[in-house]
Amino acid sequence: MFLSISAVVLVGAAIYALWRFGRLAMSHAALCTLFGFLLASSSLAPYINATIQTGAEFIAGLNP
């Protein structure tokens, strides 16, 4: 678990640096995908899933 969270932090920092300098290329997108997989296996996954589901339900409930 500790290694997984460390990897999430490391990859997250790398993605932030790439975004900050404005050069998000295909290799950077692959790094973002890796970050997603690492985050999905972390202890934060249920909270992220609940937040996304709540946001989707909120958007679905909006009247046009």
Protein backbone atom coordinates (compact mmCIF):
# COMPACT_ATOMS: atom_id res chain seq x y z
CA MET A 1 0.00 0.00 0.00
CA PHE A 2 2.74 2.47 0.90
CA LEU A 3 4.51 1.90 -2.42
CA SER A 4 1.24 2.36 -4.30
CA ILE A 5 0.53 5.74 -2.68
CA SER A 6 4.11 6.83 -3.28
CA ALA A 7 3.77 5.93 -6.95
CA VAL A 8 0.52 7.90 -7.18
CA VAL A 9 2.18 10.95 -5.67
CA LEU A 10 5.22 10.65 -7.94
CA VAL A 11 3.23 10.19 -11.14
CA GLY A 12 0.81 12.94 -10.08
CA ALA A 13 3.71 15.35 -9.59
CA ALA A 14 5.08 14.44 -13.02
CA ILE A 15 1.68 15.07 -14.65
CA TYR A 16 1.36 18.42 -12.88
CA ALA A 17 4.82 19.46 -14.09
CA LEU A 18 3.96 18.51 -17.66
CA TRP A 19 0.66 20.37 -17.49
CA ARG A 20 2.26 23.43 -15.88
CA PHE A 21 4.75 23.87 -18.69
CA GLY A 22 2.05 23.36 -21.32
CA ARG A 23 3.57 20.52 -23.30
CA LEU A 24 1.25 17.54 -22.87
CA ALA A 25 2.26 15.18 -25.70
CA MET A 26 1.17 11.59 -26.43
CA SER A 27 3.80 10.19 -24.08
CA HIS A 28 2.46 12.48 -21.39
CA ALA A 29 -1.05 11.23 -22.01
CA ALA A 30 0.26 7.69 -21.51
CA LEU A 31 1.71 8.83 -18.19
CA CYS A 32 -1.72 10.19 -17.25
CA THR A 33 -3.22 6.80 -18.06
CA LEU A 34 -0.67 5.11 -15.82
CA PHE A 35 -1.59 7.58 -13.08
CA GLY A 36 -5.23 6.60 -13.45
CA PHE A 37 -4.45 2.92 -13.04
CA LEU A 38 -2.31 3.58 -9.97
CA LEU A 39 -4.99 5.80 -8.45
CA ALA A 40 -7.65 3.17 -9.09
CA SER A 41 -5.70 0.66 -7.03
CA SER A 42 -5.12 3.07 -4.14
CA SER A 43 -7.27 3.54 -1.05
CA LEU A 44 -8.72 6.72 -2.58
CA ALA A 45 -10.55 4.83 -5.34
CA PRO A 46 -13.90 4.45 -3.50
CA TYR A 47 -13.98 8.17 -2.66
CA ILE A 48 -13.14 9.19 -6.21
CA ASN A 49 -15.76 6.81 -7.56
CA ALA A 50 -18.41 8.20 -5.18
CA THR A 51 -17.53 11.78 -6.14
CA ILE A 52 -17.75 11.04 -9.85
CA GLN A 53 -21.05 9.21 -9.38
CA THR A 54 -22.50 12.08 -7.35
CA GLY A 55 -21.40 14.58 -10.00
CA ALA A 56 -22.95 12.48 -12.76
CA GLU A 57 -26.22 12.20 -10.84
CA PHE A 58 -26.22 15.97 -10.27
CA ILE A 59 -25.68 16.68 -13.96
CA ALA A 60 -28.35 14.14 -14.92
CA GLY A 61 -30.82 15.86 -12.59
CA LEU A 62 -30.40 19.32 -14.10
CA ASN A 63 -33.37 20.63 -16.05
CA PRO A 64 -32.58 22.14 -19.47
